[in-house]
Amino acid sequence: MNGKARRTTDYLDHMLEAIHRINGYVTGLDRQTFDTDTRTQDAVIRNLEVIGGSRTEHPAA
């Protein structure tokens, strides 16, 4: 695997990991609970930033 392909795989892995983390944070929460749980909100927002950052840094972006 060349360097560009490896970087692409790394970016996609980061995005997938962030998606899995978000899913883990919100599984079992209803909207009302999420709306009042600022710690979970912060965790979800941070992982959305990771997804956005990986998308922005991706060589094909």
N, C-alpha and C. Protein backbone atom coordinates (compact mmCIF):
# COMPACT_ATOMS: atom_id res chain seq x y z
N MET A 1 0.86 -1.17 0.00
CA MET A 1 0.00 0.00 0.00
C MET A 1 0.91 1.24 0.00
N ASN A 2 0.64 2.15 -0.92
CA ASN A 2 1.47 3.35 -0.99
C ASN A 2 1.07 4.34 0.11
N GLY A 3 1.87 5.40 0.24
CA GLY A 3 1.64 6.38 1.31
C GLY A 3 0.28 7.05 1.24
N LYS A 4 -0.15 7.41 0.02
CA LYS A 4 -1.44 8.09 -0.12
C LYS A 4 -2.59 7.17 0.26
N ALA A 5 -2.51 5.92 -0.19
CA ALA A 5 -3.56 4.95 0.14
C ALA A 5 -3.59 4.68 1.65
N ARG A 6 -2.42 4.62 2.25
CA ARG A 6 -2.35 4.40 3.71
C ARG A 6 -2.97 5.57 4.45
N ARG A 7 -2.67 6.81 4.01
CA ARG A 7 -3.27 7.98 4.66
C ARG A 7 -4.78 7.96 4.51
N THR A 8 -5.25 7.59 3.31
CA THR A 8 -6.69 7.52 3.08
C THR A 8 -7.32 6.52 4.04
N THR A 9 -6.71 5.37 4.20
CA THR A 9 -7.21 4.35 5.12
C THR A 9 -7.20 4.88 6.55
N ASP A 10 -6.14 5.58 6.92
CA ASP A 10 -6.08 6.16 8.28
C ASP A 10 -7.21 7.15 8.51
N TYR A 11 -7.45 8.03 7.54
CA TYR A 11 -8.54 9.01 7.68
C TYR A 11 -9.89 8.31 7.82
N LEU A 12 -10.11 7.32 6.98
CA LEU A 12 -11.38 6.58 7.06
C LEU A 12 -11.51 5.84 8.38
N ASP A 13 -10.42 5.27 8.86
CA ASP A 13 -10.44 4.59 10.16
C ASP A 13 -10.79 5.56 11.28
N HIS A 14 -10.22 6.77 11.24
CA HIS A 14 -10.55 7.78 12.26
C HIS A 14 -12.03 8.14 12.20
N MET A 15 -12.55 8.29 10.99
CA MET A 15 -13.95 8.65 10.84
C MET A 15 -14.85 7.53 11.37
N LEU A 16 -14.53 6.29 11.02
CA LEU A 16 -15.34 5.16 11.48
C LEU A 16 -15.28 5.02 13.01
N GLU A 17 -14.11 5.21 13.57
CA GLU A 17 -13.98 5.13 15.03
C GLU A 17 -14.84 6.20 15.69
N ALA A 18 -14.83 7.41 15.14
CA ALA A 18 -15.64 8.49 15.71
C ALA A 18 -17.13 8.17 15.60
N ILE A 19 -17.54 7.59 14.49
CA ILE A 19 -18.94 7.18 14.31
C ILE A 19 -19.32 6.13 15.35
N HIS A 20 -18.46 5.16 15.56
CA HIS A 20 -18.74 4.11 16.55
C HIS A 20 -18.81 4.70 17.96
N ARG A 21 -17.95 5.66 18.25
CA ARG A 21 -17.99 6.28 19.57
C ARG A 21 -19.29 7.05 19.77
N ILE A 22 -19.68 7.82 18.76
CA ILE A 22 -20.94 8.56 18.85
C ILE A 22 -22.09 7.60 19.08
N ASN A 23 -22.12 6.53 18.32
CA ASN A 23 -23.18 5.54 18.48
C ASN A 23 -23.20 4.98 19.90
N GLY A 24 -22.03 4.71 20.43
CA GLY A 24 -21.95 4.20 21.80
C GLY A 24 -22.44 5.21 22.83
N TYR A 25 -22.15 6.49 22.58
CA TYR A 25 -22.57 7.52 23.53
C TYR A 25 -24.08 7.71 23.56
N VAL A 26 -24.75 7.55 22.42
CA VAL A 26 -26.17 7.88 22.36
C VAL A 26 -27.09 6.66 22.40
N THR A 27 -26.54 5.47 22.28
CA THR A 27 -27.37 4.27 22.33
C THR A 27 -28.09 4.20 23.67
N GLY A 28 -29.39 4.06 23.61
CA GLY A 28 -30.21 3.95 24.81
C GLY A 28 -30.67 5.28 25.37
N LEU A 29 -30.20 6.39 24.80
CA LEU A 29 -30.64 7.71 25.27
C LEU A 29 -31.82 8.19 24.45
N ASP A 30 -32.82 8.73 25.12
CA ASP A 30 -33.88 9.39 24.37
C ASP A 30 -33.47 10.85 24.17
N ARG A 31 -34.18 11.55 23.34
CA ARG A 31 -33.82 12.92 22.98
C ARG A 31 -33.79 13.82 24.22
N GLN A 32 -34.76 13.67 25.10
CA GLN A 32 -34.83 14.52 26.30
C GLN A 32 -33.58 14.31 27.17
N THR A 33 -33.18 13.08 27.35
CA THR A 33 -31.99 12.80 28.15
C THR A 33 -30.75 13.38 27.49
N PHE A 34 -30.64 13.19 26.19
CA PHE A 34 -29.50 13.75 25.47
C PHE A 34 -29.46 15.28 25.60
N ASP A 35 -30.62 15.90 25.47
CA ASP A 35 -30.70 17.36 25.53
C ASP A 35 -30.25 17.93 26.87
N THR A 36 -30.34 17.14 27.93
CA THR A 36 -29.94 17.63 29.26
C THR A 36 -28.57 17.11 29.70
N ASP A 37 -27.96 16.25 28.91
CA ASP A 37 -26.68 15.65 29.26
C ASP A 37 -25.55 16.34 28.49
N THR A 38 -25.02 17.40 29.08
CA THR A 38 -24.00 18.19 28.36
C THR A 38 -22.70 17.41 28.16
N ARG A 39 -22.40 16.48 29.01
CA ARG A 39 -21.18 15.69 28.83
C ARG A 39 -21.29 14.83 27.57
N THR A 40 -22.43 14.20 27.38
CA THR A 40 -22.63 13.40 26.17
C THR A 40 -22.67 14.30 24.94
N GLN A 41 -23.31 15.44 25.06
CA GLN A 41 -23.32 16.40 23.95
C GLN A 41 -21.90 16.78 23.55
N ASP A 42 -21.08 17.09 24.54
CA ASP A 42 -19.69 17.46 24.26
C ASP A 42 -18.92 16.33 23.58
N ALA A 43 -19.15 15.10 24.03
CA ALA A 43 -18.47 13.96 23.44
C ALA A 43 -18.89 13.76 21.99
N VAL A 44 -20.18 13.89 21.73
CA VAL A 44 -20.69 13.75 20.37
C VAL A 44 -20.13 14.86 19.48
N ILE A 45 -20.17 16.08 19.97
CA ILE A 45 -19.66 17.21 19.19
C ILE A 45 -18.17 17.01 18.88
N ARG A 46 -17.41 16.59 19.85
CA ARG A 46 -15.98 16.37 19.63
C ARG A 46 -15.75 15.34 18.54
N ASN A 47 -16.51 14.27 18.55
CA ASN A 47 -16.33 13.25 17.53
C ASN A 47 -16.84 13.70 16.16
N LEU A 48 -17.84 14.56 16.12
CA LEU A 48 -18.24 15.15 14.85
C LEU A 48 -17.11 16.03 14.31
N GLU A 49 -16.39 16.71 15.21
CA GLU A 49 -15.23 17.50 14.79
C GLU A 49 -14.14 16.60 14.22
N VAL A 50 -13.94 15.43 14.82
CA VAL A 50 -12.95 14.48 14.31
C VAL A 50 -13.34 14.05 12.90
N ILE A 51 -14.62 13.76 12.70
CA ILE A 51 -15.09 13.37 11.37
C ILE A 51 -14.85 14.51 10.38
N GLY A 52 -15.22 15.71 10.77
CA GLY A 52 -15.03 16.86 9.89
C GLY A 52 -13.57 17.11 9.59
N GLY A 53 -12.72 16.98 10.61
CA GLY A 53 -11.29 17.17 10.42
C GLY A 53 -10.69 16.13 9.51
N SER A 54 -11.09 14.90 9.67
CA SER A 54 -10.59 13.83 8.80
C SER A 54 -11.06 14.07 7.36
N ARG A 55 -12.26 14.53 7.21
CA ARG A 55 -12.78 14.82 5.87
C ARG A 55 -12.01 15.96 5.23
N THR A 56 -11.72 17.01 6.00
CA THR A 56 -11.00 18.16 5.50
C THR A 56 -9.56 17.81 5.15
N GLU A 57 -8.94 16.96 5.96
CA GLU A 57 -7.53 16.61 5.76
C GLU A 57 -7.34 15.51 4.72
N HIS A 58 -8.40 14.84 4.35
CA HIS A 58 -8.30 13.73 3.39
C HIS A 58 -7.74 14.26 2.07
N PRO A 59 -6.78 13.56 1.50
CA PRO A 59 -6.13 14.03 0.27
C PRO A 59 -7.08 14.28 -0.90
N ALA A 60 -8.19 13.59 -0.94
CA ALA A 60 -9.14 13.76 -2.04
C ALA A 60 -10.22 14.80 -1.73
N ALA A 61 -10.09 15.46 -0.57
CA ALA A 61 -11.14 16.42 -0.15
C ALA A 61 -11.23 17.62 -1.06
